[in-house]
Amino acid sequence: MRKVGEHKAKKGLIRFEIEEENGIAKRVKISGDFFIYPEESIVELERKLTGKETSKLEEILDEFFKVSFEGEMPYVTVEDFKMALKNALRG
């Protein structure tokens, strides 16, 4: 099942596309018109979320930004990413 969720942050839209099967995120794509540096951070986050239980995705996302992410996201917060993720999981 394909789930899509978006959230409009202060400076940009964040969009999550999740291919979910039996409670597992088989594929995760994060896109939008927000700025994040380094850009590879999104690919790394997608990798960390892929293959995980959908019930754990928010926790994994939170940990990624607390531990792994060393960059910049002007006018975009971790909470903005969480809102887009939650919207996708609802959808």
PDB file of N, CA and C in Angstrom:
ATOM      1  N   MET A   1       0.844  -1.181   0.000  1.00  0.00           N
ATOM      2  CA  MET A   1       0.000   0.000   0.000  1.00  0.00           C
ATOM      3  C   MET A   1       0.886   1.240   0.000  1.00  0.00           C
ATOM      4  N   ARG A   2       0.563   2.154  -0.870  1.00  0.00           N
ATOM      5  CA  ARG A   2       1.331   3.403  -0.971  1.00  0.00           C
ATOM      6  C   ARG A   2       0.667   4.467  -0.115  1.00  0.00           C
ATOM      7  N   LYS A   3       1.478   5.077   0.749  1.00  0.00           N
ATOM      8  CA  LYS A   3       0.985   6.137   1.621  1.00  0.00           C
ATOM      9  C   LYS A   3       1.774   7.403   1.338  1.00  0.00           C
ATOM     10  N   VAL A   4       1.061   8.523   1.266  1.00  0.00           N
ATOM     11  CA  VAL A   4       1.699   9.803   0.973  1.00  0.00           C
ATOM     12  C   VAL A   4       1.233  10.823   1.997  1.00  0.00           C
ATOM     13  N   GLY A   5       2.173  11.603   2.490  1.00  0.00           N
ATOM     14  CA  GLY A   5       1.838  12.673   3.426  1.00  0.00           C
ATOM     15  C   GLY A   5       2.730  13.866   3.200  1.00  0.00           C
ATOM     16  N   GLU A   6       2.154  15.039   3.389  1.00  0.00           N
ATOM     17  CA  GLU A   6       2.904  16.283   3.211  1.00  0.00           C
ATOM     18  C   GLU A   6       2.719  17.175   4.429  1.00  0.00           C
ATOM     19  N   HIS A   7       3.680  18.067   4.567  1.00  0.00           N
ATOM     20  CA  HIS A   7       3.580  19.100   5.600  1.00  0.00           C
ATOM     21  C   HIS A   7       4.256  20.358   5.075  1.00  0.00           C
ATOM     22  N   LYS A   8       3.596  21.473   5.217  1.00  0.00           N
ATOM     23  CA  LYS A   8       4.149  22.761   4.793  1.00  0.00           C
ATOM     24  C   LYS A   8       4.916  23.368   5.967  1.00  0.00           C
ATOM     25  N   ALA A   9       6.229  23.366   5.858  1.00  0.00           N
ATOM     26  CA  ALA A   9       7.089  23.983   6.869  1.00  0.00           C
ATOM     27  C   ALA A   9       7.156  25.485   6.602  1.00  0.00           C
ATOM     28  N   LYS A  10       7.861  26.201   7.468  1.00  0.00           N
ATOM     29  CA  LYS A  10       7.980  27.647   7.311  1.00  0.00           C
ATOM     30  C   LYS A  10       8.539  28.018   5.941  1.00  0.00           C
ATOM     31  N   LYS A  11       9.522  27.259   5.485  1.00  0.00           N
ATOM     32  CA  LYS A  11      10.152  27.526   4.178  1.00  0.00           C
ATOM     33  C   LYS A  11      10.233  26.247   3.368  1.00  0.00           C
ATOM     34  N   GLY A  12       9.096  25.722   2.971  1.00  0.00           N
ATOM     35  CA  GLY A  12       9.129  24.584   2.080  1.00  0.00           C
ATOM     36  C   GLY A  12       8.164  23.480   2.457  1.00  0.00           C
ATOM     37  N   LEU A  13       7.891  22.648   1.484  1.00  0.00           N
ATOM     38  CA  LEU A  13       7.010  21.508   1.641  1.00  0.00           C
ATOM     39  C   LEU A  13       7.844  20.243   1.812  1.00  0.00           C
ATOM     40  N   ILE A  14       7.454  19.402   2.754  1.00  0.00           N
ATOM     41  CA  ILE A  14       8.108  18.109   2.965  1.00  0.00           C
ATOM     42  C   ILE A  14       7.089  17.034   2.606  1.00  0.00           C
ATOM     43  N   ARG A  15       7.519  16.083   1.789  1.00  0.00           N
ATOM     44  CA  ARG A  15       6.612  15.030   1.319  1.00  0.00           C
ATOM     45  C   ARG A  15       7.239  13.657   1.576  1.00  0.00           C
ATOM     46  N   PHE A  16       6.483  12.788   2.221  1.00  0.00           N
ATOM     47  CA  PHE A  16       6.887  11.404   2.449  1.00  0.00           C
ATOM     48  C   PHE A  16       6.032  10.501   1.577  1.00  0.00           C
ATOM     49  N   GLU A  17       6.676   9.583   0.869  1.00  0.00           N
ATOM     50  CA  GLU A  17       5.982   8.520   0.143  1.00  0.00           C
ATOM     51  C   GLU A  17       6.494   7.202   0.719  1.00  0.00           C
ATOM     52  N   ILE A  18       5.578   6.405   1.238  1.00  0.00           N
ATOM     53  CA  ILE A  18       5.956   5.157   1.888  1.00  0.00           C
ATOM     54  C   ILE A  18       5.205   4.002   1.239  1.00  0.00           C
ATOM     55  N   GLU A  19       5.962   3.013   0.750  1.00  0.00           N
ATOM     56  CA  GLU A  19       5.370   1.763   0.275  1.00  0.00           C
ATOM     57  C   GLU A  19       5.375   0.834   1.479  1.00  0.00           C
ATOM     58  N   GLU A  20       4.172   0.528   1.977  1.00  0.00           N
ATOM     59  CA  GLU A  20       4.053  -0.252   3.201  1.00  0.00           C
ATOM     60  C   GLU A  20       3.431  -1.610   2.892  1.00  0.00           C
ATOM     61  N   GLU A  21       4.006  -2.641   3.499  1.00  0.00           N
ATOM     62  CA  GLU A  21       3.474  -3.996   3.332  1.00  0.00           C
ATOM     63  C   GLU A  21       3.584  -4.723   4.666  1.00  0.00           C
ATOM     64  N   ASN A  22       2.445  -5.150   5.183  1.00  0.00           N
ATOM     65  CA  ASN A  22       2.394  -5.871   6.468  1.00  0.00           C
ATOM     66  C   ASN A  22       3.098  -5.116   7.592  1.00  0.00           C
ATOM     67  N   GLY A  23       2.904  -3.800   7.642  1.00  0.00           N
ATOM     68  CA  GLY A  23       3.478  -3.002   8.716  1.00  0.00           C
ATOM     69  C   GLY A  23       4.948  -2.662   8.551  1.00  0.00           C
ATOM     70  N   ILE A  24       5.517  -2.963   7.390  1.00  0.00           N
ATOM     71  CA  ILE A  24       6.938  -2.690   7.117  1.00  0.00           C
ATOM     72  C   ILE A  24       7.033  -1.658   5.996  1.00  0.00           C
ATOM     73  N   ALA A  25       7.908  -0.681   6.180  1.00  0.00           N
ATOM     74  CA  ALA A  25       8.166   0.336   5.150  1.00  0.00           C
ATOM     75  C   ALA A  25       9.126  -0.268   4.130  1.00  0.00           C
ATOM     76  N   LYS A  26       8.576  -0.757   3.019  1.00  0.00           N
ATOM     77  CA  LYS A  26       9.397  -1.405   1.990  1.00  0.00           C
ATOM     78  C   LYS A  26      10.201  -0.386   1.187  1.00  0.00           C
ATOM     79  N   ARG A  27       9.653   0.813   1.034  1.00  0.00           N
ATOM     80  CA  ARG A  27      10.344   1.892   0.314  1.00  0.00           C
ATOM     81  C   ARG A  27       9.914   3.211   0.923  1.00  0.00           C
ATOM     82  N   VAL A  28      10.879   4.099   1.122  1.00  0.00           N
ATOM     83  CA  VAL A  28      10.595   5.428   1.656  1.00  0.00           C
ATOM     84  C   VAL A  28      11.256   6.452   0.748  1.00  0.00           C
ATOM     85  N   LYS A  29      10.477   7.431   0.310  1.00  0.00           N
ATOM     86  CA  LYS A  29      10.994   8.521  -0.524  1.00  0.00           C
ATOM     87  C   LYS A  29      10.608   9.837   0.146  1.00  0.00           C
ATOM     88  N   ILE A  30      11.582  10.685   0.384  1.00  0.00           N
ATOM     89  CA  ILE A  30      11.354  11.998   0.975  1.00  0.00           C
ATOM     90  C   ILE A  30      11.707  13.039  -0.071  1.00  0.00           C
ATOM     91  N   SER A  31      10.768  13.924  -0.339  1.00  0.00           N
ATOM     92  CA  SER A  31      11.007  14.966  -1.333  1.00  0.00           C
ATOM     93  C   SER A  31      10.339  16.252  -0.870  1.00  0.00           C
ATOM     94  N   GLY A  32      10.417  17.274  -1.707  1.00  0.00           N
ATOM     95  CA  GLY A  32       9.798  18.552  -1.385  1.00  0.00           C
ATOM     96  C   GLY A  32      10.637  19.702  -1.890  1.00  0.00           C
ATOM     97  N   ASP A  33      10.286  20.882  -1.432  1.00  0.00           N
ATOM     98  CA  ASP A  33      11.032  22.068  -1.859  1.00  0.00           C
ATOM     99  C   ASP A  33      11.706  22.762  -0.679  1.00  0.00           C
ATOM    100  N   PHE A  34      12.152  21.968   0.274  1.00  0.00           N
ATOM    101  CA  PHE A  34      12.886  22.469   1.428  1.00  0.00           C
ATOM    102  C   PHE A  34      14.384  22.389   1.151  1.00  0.00           C
ATOM    103  N   PHE A  35      15.179  23.070   1.970  1.00  0.00           N
ATOM    104  CA  PHE A  35      16.636  23.050   1.827  1.00  0.00           C
ATOM    105  C   PHE A  35      17.231  22.270   2.992  1.00  0.00           C
ATOM    106  N   ILE A  36      18.124  21.333   2.664  1.00  0.00           N
ATOM    107  CA  ILE A  36      18.865  20.607   3.691  1.00  0.00           C
ATOM    108  C   ILE A  36      20.287  20.419   3.179  1.00  0.00           C
ATOM    109  N   TYR A  37      21.238  20.615   4.054  1.00  0.00           N
ATOM    110  CA  TYR A  37      22.640  20.442   3.696  1.00  0.00           C
ATOM    111  C   TYR A  37      23.324  19.614   4.772  1.00  0.00           C
ATOM    112  N   PRO A  38      24.060  18.584   4.425  1.00  0.00           N
ATOM    113  CA  PRO A  38      24.299  18.101   3.070  1.00  0.00           C
ATOM    114  C   PRO A  38      23.066  17.385   2.510  1.00  0.00           C
ATOM    115  N   GLU A  39      22.890  17.476   1.212  1.00  0.00           N
ATOM    116  CA  GLU A  39      21.731  16.897   0.539  1.00  0.00           C
ATOM    117  C   GLU A  39      21.664  15.381   0.710  1.00  0.00           C
ATOM    118  N   GLU A  40      22.812  14.731   0.849  1.00  0.00           N
ATOM    119  CA  GLU A  40      22.861  13.279   1.015  1.00  0.00           C
ATOM    120  C   GLU A  40      22.180  12.817   2.296  1.00  0.00           C
ATOM    121  N   SER A  41      21.931  13.754   3.208  1.00  0.00           N
ATOM    122  CA  SER A  41      21.278  13.408   4.476  1.00  0.00           C
ATOM    123  C   SER A  41      19.909  12.776   4.244  1.00  0.00           C
ATOM    124  N   ILE A  42      19.205  13.237   3.221  1.00  0.00           N
ATOM    125  CA  ILE A  42      17.874  12.694   2.917  1.00  0.00           C
ATOM    126  C   ILE A  42      17.988  11.247   2.462  1.00  0.00           C
ATOM    127  N   VAL A  43      18.965  10.953   1.617  1.00  0.00           N
ATOM    128  CA  VAL A  43      19.173   9.580   1.143  1.00  0.00           C
ATOM    129  C   VAL A  43      19.519   8.681   2.329  1.00  0.00           C
ATOM    130  N   GLU A  44      20.358   9.168   3.218  1.00  0.00           N
ATOM    131  CA  GLU A  44      20.735   8.400   4.405  1.00  0.00           C
ATOM    132  C   GLU A  44      19.510   8.145   5.296  1.00  0.00           C
ATOM    133  N   LEU A  45      18.679   9.156   5.492  1.00  0.00           N
ATOM    134  CA  LEU A  45      17.475   8.993   6.300  1.00  0.00           C
ATOM    135  C   LEU A  45      16.519   7.993   5.651  1.00  0.00           C
ATOM    136  N   GLU A  46      16.346   8.091   4.338  1.00  0.00           N
ATOM    137  CA  GLU A  46      15.490   7.128   3.624  1.00  0.00           C
ATOM    138  C   GLU A  46      15.977   5.702   3.848  1.00  0.00           C
ATOM    139  N   ARG A  47      17.288   5.510   3.786  1.00  0.00           N
ATOM    140  CA  ARG A  47      17.873   4.174   4.008  1.00  0.00           C
ATOM    141  C   ARG A  47      17.581   3.664   5.411  1.00  0.00           C
ATOM    142  N   LYS A  48      17.693   4.562   6.389  1.00  0.00           N
ATOM    143  CA  LYS A  48      17.461   4.162   7.788  1.00  0.00           C
ATOM    144  C   LYS A  48      16.000   3.788   8.028  1.00  0.00           C
ATOM    145  N   LEU A  49      15.080   4.412   7.320  1.00  0.00           N
ATOM    146  CA  LEU A  49      13.660   4.146   7.508  1.00  0.00           C
ATOM    147  C   LEU A  49      13.174   2.922   6.722  1.00  0.00           C
ATOM    148  N   THR A  50      13.819   2.632   5.611  1.00  0.00           N
ATOM    149  CA  THR A  50      13.410   1.525   4.743  1.00  0.00           C
ATOM    150  C   THR A  50      13.660   0.184   5.427  1.00  0.00           C
ATOM    151  N   GLY A  51      12.637  -0.669   5.345  1.00  0.00           N
ATOM    152  CA  GLY A  51      12.748  -2.006   5.929  1.00  0.00           C
ATOM    153  C   GLY A  51      12.352  -2.084   7.390  1.00  0.00           C
ATOM    154  N   LYS A  52      11.967  -0.953   7.947  1.00  0.00           N
ATOM    155  CA  LYS A  52      11.602  -0.916   9.374  1.00  0.00           C
ATOM    156  C   LYS A  52      10.090  -0.938   9.553  1.00  0.00           C
ATOM    157  N   GLU A  53       9.661  -1.330  10.752  1.00  0.00           N
ATOM    158  CA  GLU A  53       8.237  -1.323  11.084  1.00  0.00           C
ATOM    159  C   GLU A  53       7.735   0.116  11.036  1.00  0.00           C
ATOM    160  N   THR A  54       6.565   0.311  10.446  1.00  0.00           N
ATOM    161  CA  THR A  54       6.032   1.669  10.335  1.00  0.00           C
ATOM    162  C   THR A  54       5.785   2.283  11.714  1.00  0.00           C
ATOM    163  N   SER A  55       5.509   1.455  12.700  1.00  0.00           N
ATOM    164  CA  SER A  55       5.280   1.967  14.056  1.00  0.00           C
ATOM    165  C   SER A  55       6.556   2.533  14.681  1.00  0.00           C
ATOM    166  N   LYS A  56       7.710   2.223  14.115  1.00  0.00           N
ATOM    167  CA  LYS A  56       9.005   2.682  14.656  1.00  0.00           C
ATOM    168  C   LYS A  56       9.599   3.845  13.880  1.00  0.00           C
ATOM    169  N   LEU A  57       8.965   4.239  12.771  1.00  0.00           N
ATOM    170  CA  LEU A  57       9.579   5.238  11.888  1.00  0.00           C
ATOM    171  C   LEU A  57       9.803   6.585  12.570  1.00  0.00           C
ATOM    172  N   GLU A  58       8.839   7.046  13.355  1.00  0.00           N
ATOM    173  CA  GLU A  58       9.015   8.350  14.007  1.00  0.00           C
ATOM    174  C   GLU A  58      10.196   8.315  14.974  1.00  0.00           C
ATOM    175  N   GLU A  59      10.319   7.237  15.704  1.00  0.00           N
ATOM    176  CA  GLU A  59      11.434   7.074  16.642  1.00  0.00           C
ATOM    177  C   GLU A  59      12.776   7.054  15.903  1.00  0.00           C
ATOM    178  N   ILE A  60      12.836   6.364  14.781  1.00  0.00           N
ATOM    179  CA  ILE A  60      14.064   6.286  13.973  1.00  0.00           C
ATOM    180  C   ILE A  60      14.401   7.661  13.398  1.00  0.00           C
ATOM    181  N   LEU A  61      13.392   8.374  12.915  1.00  0.00           N
ATOM    182  CA  LEU A  61      13.582   9.726  12.377  1.00  0.00           C
ATOM    183  C   LEU A  61      14.142  10.654  13.462  1.00  0.00           C
ATOM    184  N   ASP A  62      13.549  10.597  14.634  1.00  0.00           N
ATOM    185  CA  ASP A  62      13.988  11.421  15.768  1.00  0.00           C
ATOM    186  C   ASP A  62      15.449  11.131  16.108  1.00  0.00           C
ATOM    187  N   GLU A  63      15.790   9.859  16.195  1.00  0.00           N
ATOM    188  CA  GLU A  63      17.161   9.462  16.524  1.00  0.00           C
ATOM    189  C   GLU A  63      18.139   9.918  15.445  1.00  0.00           C
ATOM    190  N   PHE A  64      17.751   9.811  14.188  1.00  0.00           N
ATOM    191  CA  PHE A  64      18.607  10.250  13.088  1.00  0.00           C
ATOM    192  C   PHE A  64      19.000  11.714  13.268  1.00  0.00           C
ATOM    193  N   PHE A  65      18.017  12.581  13.530  1.00  0.00           N
ATOM    194  CA  PHE A  65      18.331  14.004  13.644  1.00  0.00           C
ATOM    195  C   PHE A  65      19.082  14.336  14.932  1.00  0.00           C
ATOM    196  N   LYS A  66      18.907  13.544  15.965  1.00  0.00           N
ATOM    197  CA  LYS A  66      19.626  13.795  17.222  1.00  0.00           C
ATOM    198  C   LYS A  66      21.063  13.290  17.168  1.00  0.00           C
ATOM    199  N   VAL A  67      21.289  12.172  16.473  1.00  0.00           N
ATOM    200  CA  VAL A  67      22.582  11.491  16.528  1.00  0.00           C
ATOM    201  C   VAL A  67      23.389  11.631  15.238  1.00  0.00           C
ATOM    202  N   SER A  68      22.767  11.365  14.096  1.00  0.00           N
ATOM    203  CA  SER A  68      23.516  11.244  12.844  1.00  0.00           C
ATOM    204  C   SER A  68      23.635  12.533  12.040  1.00  0.00           C
ATOM    205  N   PHE A  69      22.644  13.386  12.113  1.00  0.00           N
ATOM    206  CA  PHE A  69      22.600  14.561  11.244  1.00  0.00           C
ATOM    207  C   PHE A  69      23.513  15.666  11.757  1.00  0.00           C
ATOM    208  N   GLU A  70      24.426  16.081  10.871  1.00  0.00           N
ATOM    209  CA  GLU A  70      25.303  17.215  11.176  1.00  0.00           C
ATOM    210  C   GLU A  70      25.248  18.137   9.978  1.00  0.00           C
ATOM    211  N   GLY A  71      24.254  18.978   9.951  1.00  0.00           N
ATOM    212  CA  GLY A  71      24.093  19.853   8.800  1.00  0.00           C
ATOM    213  C   GLY A  71      23.165  21.003   9.120  1.00  0.00           C
ATOM    214  N   GLU A  72      22.554  21.524   8.078  1.00  0.00           N
ATOM    215  CA  GLU A  72      21.671  22.687   8.213  1.00  0.00           C
ATOM    216  C   GLU A  72      20.335  22.421   7.541  1.00  0.00           C
ATOM    217  N   MET A  73      19.283  22.951   8.159  1.00  0.00           N
ATOM    218  CA  MET A  73      17.930  22.920   7.587  1.00  0.00           C
ATOM    219  C   MET A  73      17.284  24.266   7.900  1.00  0.00           C
ATOM    220  N   PRO A  74      17.590  25.296   7.133  1.00  0.00           N
ATOM    221  CA  PRO A  74      17.024  26.611   7.427  1.00  0.00           C
ATOM    222  C   PRO A  74      15.497  26.604   7.367  1.00  0.00           C
ATOM    223  N   TYR A  75      14.888  27.082   8.435  1.00  0.00           N
ATOM    224  CA  TYR A  75      13.435  27.248   8.539  1.00  0.00           C
ATOM    225  C   TYR A  75      12.651  25.937   8.474  1.00  0.00           C
ATOM    226  N   VAL A  76      13.335  24.812   8.657  1.00  0.00           N
ATOM    227  CA  VAL A  76      12.688  23.504   8.699  1.00  0.00           C
ATOM    228  C   VAL A  76      13.166  22.808   9.967  1.00  0.00           C
ATOM    229  N   THR A  77      12.244  22.167  10.688  1.00  0.00           N
ATOM    230  CA  THR A  77      12.602  21.516  11.944  1.00  0.00           C
ATOM    231  C   THR A  77      12.337  20.009  11.879  1.00  0.00           C
ATOM    232  N   VAL A  78      12.833  19.316  12.866  1.00  0.00           N
ATOM    233  CA  VAL A  78      12.558  17.888  13.000  1.00  0.00           C
ATOM    234  C   VAL A  78      11.051  17.676  13.131  1.00  0.00           C
ATOM    235  N   GLU A  79      10.389  18.569  13.837  1.00  0.00           N
ATOM    236  CA  GLU A  79       8.931  18.462  13.999  1.00  0.00           C
ATOM    237  C   GLU A  79       8.212  18.550  12.657  1.00  0.00           C
ATOM    238  N   ASP A  80       8.733  19.341  11.737  1.00  0.00           N
ATOM    239  CA  ASP A  80       8.145  19.422  10.395  1.00  0.00           C
ATOM    240  C   ASP A  80       8.237  18.061   9.692  1.00  0.00           C
ATOM    241  N   PHE A  81       9.387  17.397   9.814  1.00  0.00           N
ATOM    242  CA  PHE A  81       9.539  16.072   9.230  1.00  0.00           C
ATOM    243  C   PHE A  81       8.592  15.079   9.888  1.00  0.00           C
ATOM    244  N   LYS A  82       8.460  15.171  11.201  1.00  0.00           N
ATOM    245  CA  LYS A  82       7.548  14.275  11.922  1.00  0.00           C
ATOM    246  C   LYS A  82       6.102  14.463  11.465  1.00  0.00           C
ATOM    247  N   MET A  83       5.701  15.702  11.246  1.00  0.00           N
ATOM    248  CA  MET A  83       4.329  15.967  10.803  1.00  0.00           C
ATOM    249  C   MET A  83       4.085  15.356   9.419  1.00  0.00           C
ATOM    250  N   ALA A  84       5.025  15.497   8.505  1.00  0.00           N
ATOM    251  CA  ALA A  84       4.881  14.912   7.170  1.00  0.00           C
ATOM    252  C   ALA A  84       4.816  13.393   7.266  1.00  0.00           C
ATOM    253  N   LEU A  85       5.646  12.811   8.112  1.00  0.00           N
ATOM    254  CA  LEU A  85       5.655  11.357   8.307  1.00  0.00           C
ATOM    255  C   LEU A  85       4.315  10.894   8.881  1.00  0.00           C
ATOM    256  N   LYS A  86       3.844  11.569   9.911  1.00  0.00           N
ATOM    257  CA  LYS A  86       2.558  11.193  10.531  1.00  0.00           C
ATOM    258  C   LYS A  86       1.427  11.298   9.512  1.00  0.00           C
ATOM    259  N   ASN A  87       1.442  12.341   8.698  1.00  0.00           N
ATOM    260  CA  ASN A  87       0.412  12.505   7.673  1.00  0.00           C
ATOM    261  C   ASN A  87       0.451  11.353   6.667  1.00  0.00           C
ATOM    262  N   ALA A  88       1.637  10.889   6.338  1.00  0.00           N
ATOM    263  CA  ALA A  88       1.751   9.751   5.416  1.00  0.00           C
ATOM    264  C   ALA A  88       1.227   8.477   6.064  1.00  0.00           C
ATOM    265  N   LEU A  89       1.578   8.260   7.314  1.00  0.00           N
ATOM    266  CA  LEU A  89       1.160   7.034   7.989  1.00  0.00           C
ATOM    267  C   LEU A  89      -0.356   6.997   8.217  1.00  0.00           C
ATOM    268  N   ARG A  90      -0.967   8.167   8.347  1.00  0.00           N
ATOM    269  CA  ARG A  90      -2.422   8.238   8.481  1.00  0.00           C
ATOM    270  C   ARG A  90      -3.121   7.912   7.166  1.00  0.00           C
ATOM    271  N   GLY A  91      -2.448   8.366   6.066  1.00  0.00           N
ATOM    272  CA  GLY A  91      -3.066   8.299   4.761  1.00  0.00           C
ATOM    273  C   GLY A  91      -3.093   6.951   4.170  1.00  0.00           C
TER     274      GLY A  91
END
